[in-house]
Amino acid sequence: MYTFEFRTGRVSIDHAKCDGCTSYACAKACNLYGSGILSIEKDRPVLTIPLEEAKRSCTECLACEVGCHLRGRQAITILLPIMGLKEFKGTVHVDSTE
């Protein structure tokens, strides 16, 4: 698993799932909508910058994950914790009749 952190979360890329991918949708999306910190080396997405710099340079646009899920091999997962979400979910009542 290839991972890197950004300001508020973490990107995980399962390189085993990248095998056979020819769309490179993750890196294309990062370059088009994000900060262009992903490139393809040996048919796998990797950072173009040092790990520590990714914390400052990633724009947190989520484009790499969306691109991979729509046109790639679903290899990217972004963990983006939201403080208080678990507690909020516990207070919400869902009415199935609506």
N, C-alpha and C. Protein backbone atom coordinates (compact mmCIF):
# COMPACT_ATOMS: atom_id res chain seq x y z
N MET A 1 0.85 -1.17 0.00
CA MET A 1 0.00 0.00 0.00
C MET A 1 0.89 1.24 0.00
N TYR A 2 0.65 2.14 -0.92
CA TYR A 2 1.39 3.40 -1.03
C TYR A 2 0.52 4.47 -0.40
N THR A 3 1.02 5.14 0.62
CA THR A 3 0.21 6.14 1.30
C THR A 3 0.99 7.44 1.49
N PHE A 4 0.23 8.52 1.56
CA PHE A 4 0.82 9.80 1.95
C PHE A 4 -0.26 10.64 2.62
N GLU A 5 0.20 11.51 3.49
CA GLU A 5 -0.71 12.38 4.23
C GLU A 5 -0.75 13.76 3.61
N PHE A 6 -1.91 14.39 3.76
CA PHE A 6 -2.06 15.79 3.41
C PHE A 6 -2.57 16.51 4.65
N ARG A 7 -2.90 17.77 4.55
CA ARG A 7 -3.23 18.57 5.74
C ARG A 7 -4.25 17.91 6.66
N THR A 8 -5.34 17.40 6.13
CA THR A 8 -6.42 16.91 6.98
C THR A 8 -6.74 15.44 6.80
N GLY A 9 -5.97 14.72 6.01
CA GLY A 9 -6.29 13.32 5.79
C GLY A 9 -5.14 12.53 5.20
N ARG A 10 -5.52 11.40 4.58
CA ARG A 10 -4.50 10.50 4.03
C ARG A 10 -5.02 9.84 2.75
N VAL A 11 -4.12 9.71 1.78
CA VAL A 11 -4.40 9.01 0.52
C VAL A 11 -3.72 7.64 0.59
N SER A 12 -4.46 6.60 0.26
CA SER A 12 -3.90 5.25 0.18
C SER A 12 -4.13 4.73 -1.23
N ILE A 13 -3.05 4.21 -1.83
CA ILE A 13 -3.13 3.68 -3.19
C ILE A 13 -2.70 2.22 -3.14
N ASP A 14 -3.59 1.34 -3.53
CA ASP A 14 -3.30 -0.09 -3.58
C ASP A 14 -2.66 -0.39 -4.93
N HIS A 15 -1.34 -0.37 -4.97
CA HIS A 15 -0.63 -0.56 -6.23
C HIS A 15 -0.94 -1.90 -6.89
N ALA A 16 -1.33 -2.90 -6.13
CA ALA A 16 -1.69 -4.19 -6.73
C ALA A 16 -2.91 -4.04 -7.64
N LYS A 17 -3.83 -3.15 -7.27
CA LYS A 17 -5.00 -2.91 -8.11
C LYS A 17 -4.66 -2.10 -9.36
N CYS A 18 -3.53 -1.41 -9.33
CA CYS A 18 -3.12 -0.60 -10.48
C CYS A 18 -2.62 -1.46 -11.64
N ASP A 19 -2.23 -2.70 -11.36
CA ASP A 19 -1.73 -3.59 -12.41
C ASP A 19 -2.75 -3.70 -13.53
N GLY A 20 -2.34 -3.41 -14.72
CA GLY A 20 -3.21 -3.49 -15.89
C GLY A 20 -3.95 -2.21 -16.22
N CYS A 21 -3.86 -1.21 -15.36
CA CYS A 21 -4.54 0.06 -15.63
C CYS A 21 -3.81 0.79 -16.76
N THR A 22 -4.55 1.26 -17.70
CA THR A 22 -3.96 2.03 -18.80
C THR A 22 -4.54 3.44 -18.90
N SER A 23 -5.52 3.74 -18.05
CA SER A 23 -6.15 5.06 -18.12
C SER A 23 -5.33 6.13 -17.40
N TYR A 24 -4.63 5.73 -16.34
CA TYR A 24 -3.88 6.67 -15.50
C TYR A 24 -4.75 7.85 -15.09
N ALA A 25 -6.01 7.55 -14.86
CA ALA A 25 -7.01 8.58 -14.54
C ALA A 25 -6.66 9.36 -13.28
N CYS A 26 -6.02 8.71 -12.32
CA CYS A 26 -5.68 9.39 -11.06
C CYS A 26 -4.71 10.54 -11.31
N ALA A 27 -3.64 10.25 -12.01
CA ALA A 27 -2.62 11.28 -12.28
C ALA A 27 -3.17 12.35 -13.22
N LYS A 28 -3.96 11.96 -14.19
CA LYS A 28 -4.57 12.94 -15.10
C LYS A 28 -5.48 13.88 -14.33
N ALA A 29 -6.30 13.33 -13.43
CA ALA A 29 -7.21 14.16 -12.64
C ALA A 29 -6.44 15.08 -11.70
N CYS A 30 -5.38 14.56 -11.09
CA CYS A 30 -4.56 15.38 -10.20
C CYS A 30 -3.94 16.55 -10.96
N ASN A 31 -3.50 16.29 -12.16
CA ASN A 31 -2.90 17.36 -12.96
C ASN A 31 -3.93 18.36 -13.47
N LEU A 32 -5.14 17.88 -13.77
CA LEU A 32 -6.17 18.75 -14.31
C LEU A 32 -6.88 19.56 -13.23
N TYR A 33 -7.21 18.92 -12.10
CA TYR A 33 -8.01 19.57 -11.07
C TYR A 33 -7.26 19.87 -9.77
N GLY A 34 -6.15 19.20 -9.56
CA GLY A 34 -5.41 19.35 -8.30
C GLY A 34 -4.12 20.10 -8.50
N SER A 35 -3.15 19.72 -7.71
CA SER A 35 -1.87 20.42 -7.73
C SER A 35 -0.80 19.70 -8.55
N GLY A 36 -1.18 18.60 -9.20
CA GLY A 36 -0.24 17.90 -10.07
C GLY A 36 0.87 17.18 -9.32
N ILE A 37 0.55 16.65 -8.14
CA ILE A 37 1.59 15.99 -7.35
C ILE A 37 1.71 14.50 -7.65
N LEU A 38 0.84 13.95 -8.49
CA LEU A 38 0.92 12.54 -8.86
C LEU A 38 1.44 12.38 -10.28
N SER A 39 2.28 11.39 -10.46
CA SER A 39 2.72 11.01 -11.80
C SER A 39 2.74 9.49 -11.86
N ILE A 40 2.96 8.96 -13.03
CA ILE A 40 2.98 7.51 -13.22
C ILE A 40 4.43 7.07 -13.43
N GLU A 41 4.86 6.13 -12.60
CA GLU A 41 6.19 5.51 -12.75
C GLU A 41 6.00 4.01 -12.71
N LYS A 42 6.51 3.32 -13.70
CA LYS A 42 6.35 1.87 -13.80
C LYS A 42 4.88 1.47 -13.70
N ASP A 43 4.03 2.22 -14.38
CA ASP A 43 2.59 1.98 -14.46
C ASP A 43 1.85 2.13 -13.14
N ARG A 44 2.43 2.87 -12.20
CA ARG A 44 1.78 3.07 -10.90
C ARG A 44 1.89 4.53 -10.48
N PRO A 45 0.83 5.06 -9.84
CA PRO A 45 0.89 6.45 -9.39
C PRO A 45 1.80 6.61 -8.18
N VAL A 46 2.62 7.65 -8.23
CA VAL A 46 3.53 7.99 -7.13
C VAL A 46 3.60 9.51 -7.03
N LEU A 47 4.07 9.97 -5.89
CA LEU A 47 4.25 11.41 -5.70
C LEU A 47 5.41 11.92 -6.54
N THR A 48 5.25 13.12 -7.04
CA THR A 48 6.33 13.79 -7.76
C THR A 48 7.17 14.63 -6.82
N ILE A 49 6.74 14.69 -5.57
CA ILE A 49 7.38 15.52 -4.55
C ILE A 49 7.67 14.65 -3.32
N PRO A 50 8.51 15.12 -2.40
CA PRO A 50 8.76 14.37 -1.17
C PRO A 50 7.49 14.23 -0.32
N LEU A 51 7.41 13.16 0.45
CA LEU A 51 6.25 12.90 1.32
C LEU A 51 5.90 14.10 2.19
N GLU A 52 6.88 14.70 2.81
CA GLU A 52 6.63 15.84 3.70
C GLU A 52 6.02 17.02 2.96
N GLU A 53 6.42 17.20 1.71
CA GLU A 53 5.89 18.32 0.93
C GLU A 53 4.43 18.09 0.54
N ALA A 54 4.02 16.84 0.44
CA ALA A 54 2.63 16.52 0.08
C ALA A 54 1.66 17.09 1.10
N LYS A 55 2.08 17.17 2.35
CA LYS A 55 1.22 17.72 3.40
C LYS A 55 0.85 19.17 3.11
N ARG A 56 1.74 19.88 2.44
CA ARG A 56 1.49 21.29 2.12
C ARG A 56 0.95 21.47 0.71
N SER A 57 1.31 20.59 -0.21
CA SER A 57 1.03 20.82 -1.63
C SER A 57 -0.28 20.23 -2.13
N CYS A 58 -0.76 19.17 -1.49
CA CYS A 58 -2.01 18.55 -1.93
C CYS A 58 -3.15 19.53 -1.67
N THR A 59 -3.99 19.75 -2.67
CA THR A 59 -5.10 20.69 -2.52
C THR A 59 -6.35 20.04 -1.94
N GLU A 60 -6.28 18.75 -1.67
CA GLU A 60 -7.39 18.00 -1.07
C GLU A 60 -8.64 18.05 -1.95
N CYS A 61 -8.43 18.04 -3.26
CA CYS A 61 -9.56 18.16 -4.18
C CYS A 61 -10.30 16.84 -4.39
N LEU A 62 -9.69 15.73 -4.02
CA LEU A 62 -10.27 14.38 -4.14
C LEU A 62 -10.33 13.88 -5.58
N ALA A 63 -9.78 14.63 -6.51
CA ALA A 63 -9.87 14.28 -7.93
C ALA A 63 -9.20 12.95 -8.25
N CYS A 64 -8.10 12.63 -7.59
CA CYS A 64 -7.40 11.37 -7.87
C CYS A 64 -8.29 10.18 -7.54
N GLU A 65 -8.98 10.25 -6.41
CA GLU A 65 -9.87 9.16 -6.01
C GLU A 65 -11.06 9.04 -6.95
N VAL A 66 -11.68 10.15 -7.27
CA VAL A 66 -12.83 10.13 -8.17
C VAL A 66 -12.43 9.63 -9.55
N GLY A 67 -11.32 10.13 -10.09
CA GLY A 67 -10.85 9.69 -11.39
C GLY A 67 -10.57 8.20 -11.43
N CYS A 68 -9.91 7.70 -10.37
CA CYS A 68 -9.58 6.28 -10.29
C CYS A 68 -10.84 5.43 -10.20
N HIS A 69 -11.82 5.88 -9.44
CA HIS A 69 -13.05 5.11 -9.30
C HIS A 69 -13.90 5.13 -10.57
N LEU A 70 -13.88 6.23 -11.29
CA LEU A 70 -14.69 6.32 -12.51
C LEU A 70 -14.03 5.71 -13.74
N ARG A 71 -12.70 5.88 -13.87
CA ARG A 71 -12.02 5.47 -15.10
C ARG A 71 -10.84 4.54 -14.87
N GLY A 72 -10.56 4.25 -13.61
CA GLY A 72 -9.41 3.41 -13.28
C GLY A 72 -9.83 2.07 -12.70
N ARG A 73 -9.12 1.66 -11.67
CA ARG A 73 -9.34 0.32 -11.10
C ARG A 73 -9.68 0.36 -9.61
N GLN A 74 -10.23 1.49 -9.17
CA GLN A 74 -10.68 1.64 -7.78
C GLN A 74 -9.56 1.33 -6.78
N ALA A 75 -8.39 1.85 -7.05
CA ALA A 75 -7.22 1.58 -6.22
C ALA A 75 -6.96 2.66 -5.17
N ILE A 76 -7.63 3.79 -5.26
CA ILE A 76 -7.34 4.91 -4.36
C ILE A 76 -8.47 5.11 -3.36
N THR A 77 -8.07 5.28 -2.12
CA THR A 77 -9.01 5.59 -1.04
C THR A 77 -8.47 6.79 -0.30
N ILE A 78 -9.33 7.76 -0.07
CA ILE A 78 -8.95 8.94 0.69
C ILE A 78 -9.68 8.90 2.02
N LEU A 79 -8.92 8.98 3.10
CA LEU A 79 -9.49 9.07 4.43
C LEU A 79 -9.50 10.54 4.81
N LEU A 80 -10.68 11.04 5.04
CA LEU A 80 -10.85 12.45 5.37
C LEU A 80 -11.74 12.55 6.61
N PRO A 81 -11.14 12.41 7.79
CA PRO A 81 -11.93 12.44 9.01
C PRO A 81 -12.65 13.78 9.19
N ILE A 82 -13.86 13.70 9.67
CA ILE A 82 -14.64 14.90 9.95
C ILE A 82 -14.95 14.89 11.44
N MET A 83 -14.35 15.82 12.16
CA MET A 83 -14.53 15.87 13.61
C MET A 83 -16.01 16.04 13.95
N GLY A 84 -16.48 15.21 14.87
CA GLY A 84 -17.86 15.31 15.33
C GLY A 84 -18.88 14.56 14.49
N LEU A 85 -18.46 13.97 13.36
CA LEU A 85 -19.42 13.29 12.48
C LEU A 85 -20.06 12.09 13.16
N LYS A 86 -19.27 11.29 13.85
CA LYS A 86 -19.80 10.10 14.52
C LYS A 86 -20.87 10.49 15.55
N GLU A 87 -20.58 11.50 16.33
CA GLU A 87 -21.54 11.97 17.33
C GLU A 87 -22.80 12.53 16.66
N PHE A 88 -22.63 13.27 15.59
CA PHE A 88 -23.76 13.83 14.86
C PHE A 88 -24.66 12.73 14.31
N LYS A 89 -24.03 11.70 13.74
CA LYS A 89 -24.81 10.60 13.18
C LYS A 89 -25.67 9.93 14.25
N GLY A 90 -25.18 9.91 15.48
CA GLY A 90 -25.93 9.31 16.57
C GLY A 90 -27.15 10.12 16.98
N THR A 91 -27.20 11.37 16.56
CA THR A 91 -28.34 12.24 16.95
C THR A 91 -29.39 12.34 15.84
N VAL A 92 -29.10 11.83 14.67
CA VAL A 92 -30.00 11.97 13.53
C VAL A 92 -31.02 10.84 13.54
N HIS A 93 -32.27 11.19 13.41
CA HIS A 93 -33.34 10.20 13.31
C HIS A 93 -33.82 10.17 11.87
N VAL A 94 -33.78 9.00 11.29
CA VAL A 94 -34.21 8.83 9.90
C VAL A 94 -35.61 8.22 9.91
N ASP A 95 -36.54 8.90 9.29
CA ASP A 95 -37.92 8.40 9.19
C ASP A 95 -38.07 7.71 7.86
N SER A 96 -38.27 6.41 7.87
CA SER A 96 -38.36 5.63 6.63
C SER A 96 -39.64 5.85 5.87
N THR A 97 -40.60 6.61 6.43
CA THR A 97 -41.86 6.85 5.74
C THR A 97 -41.82 8.10 4.87
N GLU A 98 -40.73 8.84 4.96
CA GLU A 98 -40.64 10.08 4.17
C GLU A 98 -40.27 9.79 2.75
